[in-house]
N, C-alpha and C. Protein backbone atom coordinates (compact mmCIF):
# COMPACT_ATOMS: atom_id res chain seq x y z
N UNK A 1 -70.19 105.34 168.22
CA UNK A 1 -70.15 104.91 169.60
C UNK A 1 -69.96 103.40 169.65
N UNK A 2 -69.54 102.89 170.76
CA UNK A 2 -69.36 101.45 170.95
C UNK A 2 -70.64 100.84 171.52
N UNK A 3 -70.92 99.60 171.14
CA UNK A 3 -72.06 98.88 171.67
C UNK A 3 -71.80 97.39 171.59
N UNK A 4 -72.50 96.65 172.44
CA UNK A 4 -72.54 95.20 172.36
C UNK A 4 -73.79 94.87 171.55
N UNK A 5 -73.63 94.19 170.44
CA UNK A 5 -74.75 93.98 169.53
C UNK A 5 -74.68 92.61 168.89
N UNK A 6 -75.73 92.28 168.15
CA UNK A 6 -75.75 91.03 167.38
C UNK A 6 -76.65 91.20 166.17
N UNK A 7 -76.39 90.41 165.15
CA UNK A 7 -77.15 90.47 163.90
C UNK A 7 -78.16 89.34 163.77
N UNK A 8 -77.97 88.28 164.56
CA UNK A 8 -78.86 87.14 164.51
C UNK A 8 -78.98 86.58 165.92
N UNK A 9 -80.09 85.90 166.19
CA UNK A 9 -80.32 85.30 167.49
C UNK A 9 -79.46 84.05 167.65
N UNK A 10 -79.08 83.78 168.90
CA UNK A 10 -78.30 82.58 169.15
C UNK A 10 -77.64 82.60 170.51
N UNK A 11 -76.59 81.79 170.62
CA UNK A 11 -75.82 81.69 171.87
C UNK A 11 -74.92 82.91 171.99
N UNK A 12 -74.12 82.95 173.02
CA UNK A 12 -73.28 84.12 173.28
C UNK A 12 -72.27 84.38 172.16
N UNK A 13 -71.99 83.38 171.33
CA UNK A 13 -71.02 83.58 170.25
C UNK A 13 -71.53 84.50 169.14
N UNK A 14 -72.83 84.88 169.16
CA UNK A 14 -73.34 85.83 168.16
C UNK A 14 -73.03 87.28 168.55
N UNK A 15 -72.62 87.50 169.79
CA UNK A 15 -72.36 88.86 170.27
C UNK A 15 -71.11 89.45 169.63
N UNK A 16 -71.22 90.74 169.31
CA UNK A 16 -70.11 91.50 168.73
C UNK A 16 -69.98 92.80 169.53
N UNK A 17 -68.78 93.34 169.59
CA UNK A 17 -68.57 94.63 170.24
C UNK A 17 -67.87 95.53 169.23
N UNK A 18 -68.49 96.68 168.96
CA UNK A 18 -67.89 97.56 167.97
C UNK A 18 -68.69 98.82 167.77
N UNK A 19 -68.40 99.50 166.68
CA UNK A 19 -69.01 100.80 166.38
C UNK A 19 -70.40 100.64 165.77
N UNK A 20 -71.33 101.44 166.29
CA UNK A 20 -72.68 101.56 165.74
C UNK A 20 -73.03 103.05 165.76
N UNK A 21 -74.02 103.47 164.98
CA UNK A 21 -74.39 104.90 164.98
C UNK A 21 -74.94 105.35 166.34
N UNK A 22 -74.60 106.57 166.71
CA UNK A 22 -75.13 107.16 167.94
C UNK A 22 -76.62 107.44 167.75
N UNK A 23 -77.43 107.27 168.80
CA UNK A 23 -78.87 107.51 168.65
C UNK A 23 -79.19 108.97 168.37
N UNK A 24 -80.26 109.19 167.62
CA UNK A 24 -80.75 110.55 167.37
C UNK A 24 -81.81 110.86 168.41
N UNK A 25 -81.71 112.03 169.04
CA UNK A 25 -82.64 112.40 170.11
C UNK A 25 -83.95 112.94 169.58
N UNK A 26 -85.04 112.52 170.24
CA UNK A 26 -86.34 113.14 170.04
C UNK A 26 -86.42 114.34 171.00
N UNK A 27 -87.40 115.18 170.82
CA UNK A 27 -87.52 116.41 171.61
C UNK A 27 -87.58 116.17 173.10
N UNK A 28 -88.23 115.07 173.54
CA UNK A 28 -88.41 114.81 174.96
C UNK A 28 -87.43 113.77 175.51
N UNK A 29 -86.28 113.62 174.89
CA UNK A 29 -85.28 112.65 175.31
C UNK A 29 -83.98 113.33 175.71
N UNK A 30 -83.19 112.59 176.49
CA UNK A 30 -81.83 113.02 176.81
C UNK A 30 -80.88 111.92 176.34
N UNK A 31 -79.65 112.30 176.06
CA UNK A 31 -78.63 111.32 175.71
C UNK A 31 -77.83 111.02 176.98
N UNK A 32 -77.80 109.76 177.35
CA UNK A 32 -77.08 109.33 178.55
C UNK A 32 -75.82 108.58 178.13
N UNK A 33 -74.69 109.01 178.69
CA UNK A 33 -73.45 108.25 178.53
C UNK A 33 -73.46 107.22 179.65
N UNK A 34 -73.58 105.96 179.28
CA UNK A 34 -73.71 104.91 180.29
C UNK A 34 -72.39 104.69 181.02
N UNK A 35 -72.51 104.41 182.30
CA UNK A 35 -71.35 104.09 183.13
C UNK A 35 -71.39 102.61 183.52
N UNK A 36 -72.58 102.16 183.97
CA UNK A 36 -72.80 100.75 184.31
C UNK A 36 -74.12 100.31 183.69
N UNK A 37 -74.12 99.08 183.18
CA UNK A 37 -75.29 98.54 182.50
C UNK A 37 -75.78 97.32 183.27
N UNK A 38 -77.08 97.27 183.56
CA UNK A 38 -77.67 96.13 184.25
C UNK A 38 -77.82 94.95 183.30
N UNK A 39 -77.59 93.76 183.82
CA UNK A 39 -77.76 92.54 183.03
C UNK A 39 -78.77 91.66 183.75
N UNK A 40 -79.79 91.24 183.04
CA UNK A 40 -80.84 90.40 183.59
C UNK A 40 -80.98 89.14 182.75
N UNK A 41 -81.58 88.11 183.34
CA UNK A 41 -81.74 86.87 182.59
C UNK A 41 -82.59 87.10 181.35
N UNK A 42 -83.48 88.09 181.38
CA UNK A 42 -84.30 88.41 180.20
C UNK A 42 -83.42 88.79 179.01
N UNK A 43 -82.25 89.38 179.28
CA UNK A 43 -81.33 89.73 178.19
C UNK A 43 -80.83 88.49 177.46
N UNK A 44 -80.63 87.42 178.19
CA UNK A 44 -80.21 86.16 177.56
C UNK A 44 -81.35 85.62 176.70
N UNK A 45 -82.58 85.67 177.23
CA UNK A 45 -83.73 85.24 176.44
C UNK A 45 -83.85 86.07 175.16
N UNK A 46 -83.63 87.38 175.28
CA UNK A 46 -83.73 88.24 174.09
C UNK A 46 -82.68 87.86 173.05
N UNK A 47 -81.46 87.63 173.51
CA UNK A 47 -80.38 87.27 172.58
C UNK A 47 -80.70 85.96 171.87
N UNK A 48 -81.36 85.05 172.55
CA UNK A 48 -81.74 83.76 171.95
C UNK A 48 -82.96 83.88 171.04
N UNK A 49 -83.67 85.04 171.09
CA UNK A 49 -84.87 85.22 170.30
C UNK A 49 -86.12 84.69 170.97
N UNK A 50 -86.06 84.49 172.30
CA UNK A 50 -87.17 83.90 173.04
C UNK A 50 -87.99 84.93 173.81
N UNK A 51 -87.69 86.20 173.64
CA UNK A 51 -88.33 87.25 174.42
C UNK A 51 -88.33 88.52 173.58
N UNK A 52 -89.29 89.40 173.79
CA UNK A 52 -89.37 90.63 173.00
C UNK A 52 -88.07 91.44 173.09
N UNK A 53 -87.60 91.93 171.95
CA UNK A 53 -86.46 92.85 171.89
C UNK A 53 -86.82 93.96 170.91
N UNK A 54 -86.41 95.16 171.22
CA UNK A 54 -86.66 96.32 170.35
C UNK A 54 -86.02 96.07 168.98
N UNK A 55 -86.80 96.24 167.93
CA UNK A 55 -86.28 96.04 166.58
C UNK A 55 -85.33 97.18 166.23
N UNK A 56 -84.14 96.83 165.86
CA UNK A 56 -83.08 97.79 165.57
C UNK A 56 -82.01 97.03 164.81
N UNK A 57 -81.35 97.68 163.89
CA UNK A 57 -80.25 97.03 163.16
C UNK A 57 -78.96 97.76 163.43
N UNK A 58 -77.97 97.11 164.03
CA UNK A 58 -78.02 95.74 164.54
C UNK A 58 -78.84 95.68 165.83
N UNK A 59 -79.13 94.47 166.30
CA UNK A 59 -79.86 94.29 167.56
C UNK A 59 -78.96 94.66 168.72
N UNK A 60 -79.45 95.52 169.58
CA UNK A 60 -78.71 95.93 170.78
C UNK A 60 -79.58 95.57 171.97
N UNK A 61 -79.05 94.76 172.85
CA UNK A 61 -79.79 94.27 174.00
C UNK A 61 -79.71 95.27 175.15
N UNK A 62 -80.32 94.96 176.26
CA UNK A 62 -80.23 95.76 177.46
C UNK A 62 -81.37 96.75 177.60
N UNK A 63 -81.87 96.88 178.83
CA UNK A 63 -83.00 97.76 179.10
C UNK A 63 -82.80 98.61 180.35
N UNK A 64 -81.60 98.61 180.95
CA UNK A 64 -81.36 99.43 182.12
C UNK A 64 -79.88 99.76 182.26
N UNK A 65 -79.62 100.96 182.78
CA UNK A 65 -78.24 101.38 183.00
C UNK A 65 -78.23 102.61 183.89
N UNK A 66 -77.04 102.94 184.37
CA UNK A 66 -76.84 104.20 185.07
C UNK A 66 -75.80 104.99 184.27
N UNK A 67 -75.83 106.30 184.43
CA UNK A 67 -74.88 107.13 183.70
C UNK A 67 -75.15 108.60 183.90
N UNK A 68 -74.63 109.39 182.99
CA UNK A 68 -74.70 110.84 183.09
C UNK A 68 -75.34 111.42 181.83
N UNK A 69 -76.22 112.40 182.02
CA UNK A 69 -76.86 113.07 180.89
C UNK A 69 -75.83 113.98 180.22
N UNK A 70 -75.63 113.79 178.90
CA UNK A 70 -74.61 114.56 178.17
C UNK A 70 -75.18 115.41 177.04
N UNK A 71 -76.47 115.21 176.72
CA UNK A 71 -77.10 115.99 175.65
C UNK A 71 -78.60 116.02 175.89
N UNK A 72 -79.23 117.12 175.51
CA UNK A 72 -80.66 117.30 175.76
C UNK A 72 -81.45 117.43 174.46
N UNK A 73 -82.65 116.83 174.46
CA UNK A 73 -83.57 117.07 173.36
C UNK A 73 -84.10 118.49 173.45
N UNK A 74 -84.70 118.97 172.36
CA UNK A 74 -85.15 120.36 172.28
C UNK A 74 -86.13 120.76 173.37
N UNK A 75 -86.97 119.85 173.84
CA UNK A 75 -88.01 120.18 174.82
C UNK A 75 -87.60 119.88 176.26
N UNK A 76 -86.32 119.61 176.50
CA UNK A 76 -85.86 119.20 177.83
C UNK A 76 -85.23 120.38 178.56
N UNK A 77 -85.58 120.49 179.84
CA UNK A 77 -85.07 121.54 180.71
C UNK A 77 -83.54 121.46 180.81
N UNK A 78 -82.87 122.57 180.62
CA UNK A 78 -81.40 122.61 180.63
C UNK A 78 -80.80 122.24 181.99
N UNK A 79 -81.59 122.29 183.05
CA UNK A 79 -81.10 121.93 184.39
C UNK A 79 -80.76 120.44 184.50
N UNK A 80 -81.22 119.63 183.54
CA UNK A 80 -80.93 118.20 183.59
C UNK A 80 -79.52 117.85 183.10
N UNK A 81 -78.88 118.77 182.41
CA UNK A 81 -77.54 118.51 181.87
C UNK A 81 -76.59 118.11 183.00
N UNK A 82 -75.81 117.06 182.75
CA UNK A 82 -74.77 116.55 183.66
C UNK A 82 -75.32 115.81 184.88
N UNK A 83 -76.62 115.59 184.98
CA UNK A 83 -77.18 114.85 186.11
C UNK A 83 -76.85 113.37 185.97
N UNK A 84 -76.53 112.73 187.10
CA UNK A 84 -76.33 111.29 187.11
C UNK A 84 -77.67 110.63 187.39
N UNK A 85 -78.00 109.61 186.59
CA UNK A 85 -79.32 109.00 186.65
C UNK A 85 -79.25 107.48 186.48
N UNK A 86 -80.39 106.87 186.74
CA UNK A 86 -80.63 105.46 186.45
C UNK A 86 -81.83 105.43 185.52
N UNK A 87 -81.86 104.51 184.59
CA UNK A 87 -83.07 104.29 183.81
C UNK A 87 -83.35 102.80 183.71
N UNK A 88 -84.63 102.47 183.65
CA UNK A 88 -85.11 101.09 183.56
C UNK A 88 -86.17 101.04 182.48
N UNK A 89 -86.23 99.95 181.77
CA UNK A 89 -87.22 99.72 180.72
C UNK A 89 -87.03 100.68 179.53
N UNK A 90 -85.77 100.88 179.18
CA UNK A 90 -85.41 101.67 178.00
C UNK A 90 -84.54 100.78 177.12
N UNK A 91 -84.98 100.49 175.90
CA UNK A 91 -84.22 99.57 175.05
C UNK A 91 -82.88 100.15 174.57
N UNK A 92 -82.05 99.25 174.07
CA UNK A 92 -80.74 99.57 173.46
C UNK A 92 -79.72 100.04 174.49
N UNK A 93 -79.83 99.55 175.72
CA UNK A 93 -78.97 100.03 176.81
C UNK A 93 -77.55 99.49 176.78
N UNK A 94 -77.28 98.43 176.04
CA UNK A 94 -75.93 97.88 176.00
C UNK A 94 -75.05 98.66 175.03
N UNK A 95 -75.02 99.97 175.26
CA UNK A 95 -74.30 100.88 174.36
C UNK A 95 -73.67 102.01 175.16
N UNK A 96 -72.71 102.64 174.55
CA UNK A 96 -72.02 103.77 175.17
C UNK A 96 -72.96 104.94 175.42
N UNK A 97 -73.89 105.18 174.48
CA UNK A 97 -74.86 106.27 174.61
C UNK A 97 -76.26 105.71 174.36
N UNK A 98 -77.24 106.19 175.15
CA UNK A 98 -78.62 105.72 175.03
C UNK A 98 -79.54 106.94 175.06
N UNK A 99 -80.49 106.97 174.13
CA UNK A 99 -81.53 108.01 174.14
C UNK A 99 -82.61 107.57 175.13
N UNK A 100 -82.83 108.40 176.15
CA UNK A 100 -83.75 108.04 177.24
C UNK A 100 -84.86 109.09 177.33
N UNK A 101 -86.13 108.66 177.23
CA UNK A 101 -87.23 109.61 177.43
C UNK A 101 -87.17 110.18 178.85
N UNK A 102 -87.52 111.44 179.00
CA UNK A 102 -87.42 112.07 180.32
C UNK A 102 -88.32 111.40 181.35
N UNK A 103 -89.42 110.79 180.92
CA UNK A 103 -90.29 110.13 181.90
C UNK A 103 -89.73 108.79 182.38
N UNK A 104 -88.61 108.36 181.85
CA UNK A 104 -87.95 107.12 182.29
C UNK A 104 -86.72 107.41 183.16
N UNK A 105 -86.41 108.67 183.41
CA UNK A 105 -85.25 109.03 184.22
C UNK A 105 -85.55 108.81 185.70
N UNK A 106 -84.63 108.17 186.39
CA UNK A 106 -84.72 108.00 187.84
C UNK A 106 -83.55 108.76 188.42
N UNK A 107 -83.85 109.85 189.11
CA UNK A 107 -82.80 110.70 189.69
C UNK A 107 -82.31 110.07 190.98
N UNK A 108 -81.01 110.02 191.14
CA UNK A 108 -80.40 109.30 192.25
C UNK A 108 -80.30 110.17 193.50
N UNK A 109 -80.65 109.61 194.66
CA UNK A 109 -80.46 110.33 195.91
C UNK A 109 -78.97 110.55 196.17
N UNK A 110 -78.65 111.57 196.92
CA UNK A 110 -77.27 111.85 197.30
C UNK A 110 -76.66 110.61 197.96
N UNK A 111 -75.46 110.28 197.56
CA UNK A 111 -74.74 109.16 198.17
C UNK A 111 -74.88 107.85 197.44
N UNK A 112 -75.72 107.78 196.43
CA UNK A 112 -75.86 106.54 195.64
C UNK A 112 -74.94 106.66 194.43
N UNK A 113 -73.93 105.80 194.38
CA UNK A 113 -73.03 105.88 193.22
C UNK A 113 -73.62 105.11 192.04
N UNK A 114 -73.06 105.34 190.88
CA UNK A 114 -73.61 104.78 189.65
C UNK A 114 -73.54 103.26 189.59
N UNK A 115 -72.53 102.68 190.21
CA UNK A 115 -72.43 101.22 190.22
C UNK A 115 -73.56 100.61 191.04
N UNK A 116 -73.80 101.14 192.23
CA UNK A 116 -74.90 100.66 193.05
C UNK A 116 -76.23 100.90 192.35
N UNK A 117 -76.38 102.06 191.74
CA UNK A 117 -77.63 102.39 191.04
C UNK A 117 -77.94 101.35 189.97
N UNK A 118 -76.95 100.96 189.19
CA UNK A 118 -77.18 99.98 188.12
C UNK A 118 -77.58 98.63 188.70
N UNK A 119 -77.09 98.30 189.89
CA UNK A 119 -77.45 97.02 190.50
C UNK A 119 -78.85 97.06 191.11
N UNK A 120 -79.36 98.24 191.40
CA UNK A 120 -80.70 98.37 191.98
C UNK A 120 -81.75 98.20 190.91
N UNK A 121 -81.61 98.87 189.81
CA UNK A 121 -82.50 98.81 188.66
C UNK A 121 -83.74 97.96 188.80
N UNK A 122 -83.90 97.03 187.90
CA UNK A 122 -85.10 96.20 187.82
C UNK A 122 -85.31 95.36 189.07
N UNK A 123 -84.26 94.73 189.59
CA UNK A 123 -84.42 93.88 190.77
C UNK A 123 -84.86 94.69 191.99
N UNK A 124 -84.23 95.83 192.21
CA UNK A 124 -84.59 96.66 193.36
C UNK A 124 -85.99 97.22 193.25
N UNK A 125 -86.36 97.67 192.05
CA UNK A 125 -87.71 98.19 191.86
C UNK A 125 -88.75 97.08 192.01
N UNK A 126 -88.40 95.86 191.59
CA UNK A 126 -89.30 94.72 191.78
C UNK A 126 -89.48 94.43 193.26
N UNK A 127 -88.38 94.42 194.01
CA UNK A 127 -88.48 94.19 195.46
C UNK A 127 -89.30 95.28 196.12
N UNK A 128 -89.11 96.52 195.73
CA UNK A 128 -89.87 97.64 196.29
C UNK A 128 -91.36 97.47 195.97
N UNK A 129 -91.68 97.13 194.72
CA UNK A 129 -93.07 96.93 194.32
C UNK A 129 -93.70 95.80 195.14
N UNK A 130 -93.00 94.66 195.25
CA UNK A 130 -93.56 93.53 195.98
C UNK A 130 -93.76 93.86 197.45
N UNK A 131 -92.82 94.58 198.04
CA UNK A 131 -92.96 94.94 199.45
C UNK A 131 -94.21 95.81 199.66
N UNK A 132 -94.40 96.78 198.78
CA UNK A 132 -95.59 97.63 198.90
C UNK A 132 -96.87 96.85 198.57
N UNK A 133 -96.81 95.99 197.58
CA UNK A 133 -97.99 95.22 197.18
C UNK A 133 -98.38 94.24 198.28
N UNK A 134 -97.39 93.50 198.81
CA UNK A 134 -97.69 92.53 199.86
C UNK A 134 -98.11 93.21 201.16
N UNK A 135 -97.52 94.37 201.44
CA UNK A 135 -97.88 95.11 202.64
C UNK A 135 -99.12 95.95 202.46
N UNK A 136 -99.66 95.93 201.25
CA UNK A 136 -100.86 96.68 200.89
C UNK A 136 -100.74 98.16 201.26
N UNK A 137 -99.50 98.67 201.20
CA UNK A 137 -99.21 100.08 201.49
C UNK A 137 -99.80 100.54 202.82
N UNK A 138 -99.88 99.63 203.78
CA UNK A 138 -100.39 99.98 205.10
C UNK A 138 -99.23 100.46 205.96
N UNK A 139 -99.41 101.58 206.63
CA UNK A 139 -98.38 102.16 207.47
C UNK A 139 -97.91 101.14 208.50
N UNK A 140 -96.61 101.03 208.64
CA UNK A 140 -95.96 100.22 209.67
C UNK A 140 -96.17 98.72 209.48
N UNK A 141 -96.53 98.27 208.26
CA UNK A 141 -96.68 96.83 208.03
C UNK A 141 -95.31 96.22 207.76
N UNK A 142 -95.13 94.98 208.15
CA UNK A 142 -93.88 94.26 207.93
C UNK A 142 -94.05 93.34 206.73
N UNK A 143 -93.07 93.37 205.84
CA UNK A 143 -93.07 92.51 204.66
C UNK A 143 -91.68 91.91 204.53
N UNK A 144 -91.61 90.61 204.28
CA UNK A 144 -90.34 89.93 204.10
C UNK A 144 -90.15 89.63 202.62
N UNK A 145 -89.10 90.19 202.02
CA UNK A 145 -88.75 89.93 200.63
C UNK A 145 -87.43 89.20 200.65
N UNK A 146 -87.37 88.01 200.09
CA UNK A 146 -86.15 87.22 200.13
C UNK A 146 -85.46 87.24 198.78
N UNK A 147 -84.24 86.79 198.74
CA UNK A 147 -83.53 86.70 197.47
C UNK A 147 -82.21 87.42 197.48
N UNK A 148 -81.48 87.39 198.58
CA UNK A 148 -80.13 87.95 198.64
C UNK A 148 -80.07 89.42 198.35
N UNK A 149 -79.43 89.77 197.26
CA UNK A 149 -79.24 91.17 196.89
C UNK A 149 -80.57 91.88 196.71
N UNK A 150 -81.55 91.21 196.14
CA UNK A 150 -82.86 91.84 195.93
C UNK A 150 -83.44 92.26 197.27
N UNK A 151 -83.34 91.41 198.28
CA UNK A 151 -83.89 91.75 199.59
C UNK A 151 -83.16 92.95 200.18
N UNK A 152 -81.85 92.95 200.10
CA UNK A 152 -81.08 94.07 200.64
C UNK A 152 -81.41 95.37 199.93
N UNK A 153 -81.48 95.31 198.61
CA UNK A 153 -81.78 96.52 197.85
C UNK A 153 -83.22 96.96 198.06
N UNK A 154 -84.12 96.00 198.21
CA UNK A 154 -85.51 96.34 198.48
C UNK A 154 -85.63 97.07 199.81
N UNK A 155 -84.94 96.60 200.83
CA UNK A 155 -84.95 97.29 202.12
C UNK A 155 -84.36 98.68 201.98
N UNK A 156 -83.28 98.79 201.19
CA UNK A 156 -82.65 100.11 201.00
C UNK A 156 -83.62 101.08 200.32
N UNK A 157 -84.30 100.62 199.26
CA UNK A 157 -85.22 101.50 198.54
C UNK A 157 -86.36 101.96 199.44
N UNK A 158 -86.84 101.07 200.32
CA UNK A 158 -87.94 101.46 201.20
C UNK A 158 -87.53 102.55 202.18
N UNK A 159 -86.24 102.63 202.50
CA UNK A 159 -85.77 103.67 203.43
C UNK A 159 -85.57 105.00 202.74
N UNK A 160 -85.40 105.01 201.44
CA UNK A 160 -85.12 106.26 200.69
C UNK A 160 -86.35 107.11 200.57
């Protein structure tokens, strides 16, 4: 499979794109063929060696993406095959295929395409969390979350 990877920490010139082994599935995982991959500033920190990154050879960055389930682990319900999903906080996401634990799958509501889903990921979930935290989960409370796209996506998630 293809992946964006690196062998040593550094600037963007350490990045390589090429063939790496496909992940092996555990019983409670699915294999997701990624369509869109989220990029966060934390990914830059990881590439520089300034932030935790999953140990793997070669190093593959990324922790969120959207895509389609193409293979199931032995303990996974067959109804999940071919579902379009989003996942967050799953390492090695900058790859064509990612092994995703079933408890990390976020099933997309009807009408959410994979590109939008990948943009919602961490930023949208953060906005949603902050809105609920600041509003103390009180019915009909108003919370203002700023930050351009994050605010828009946070409002969208609250309506879903």
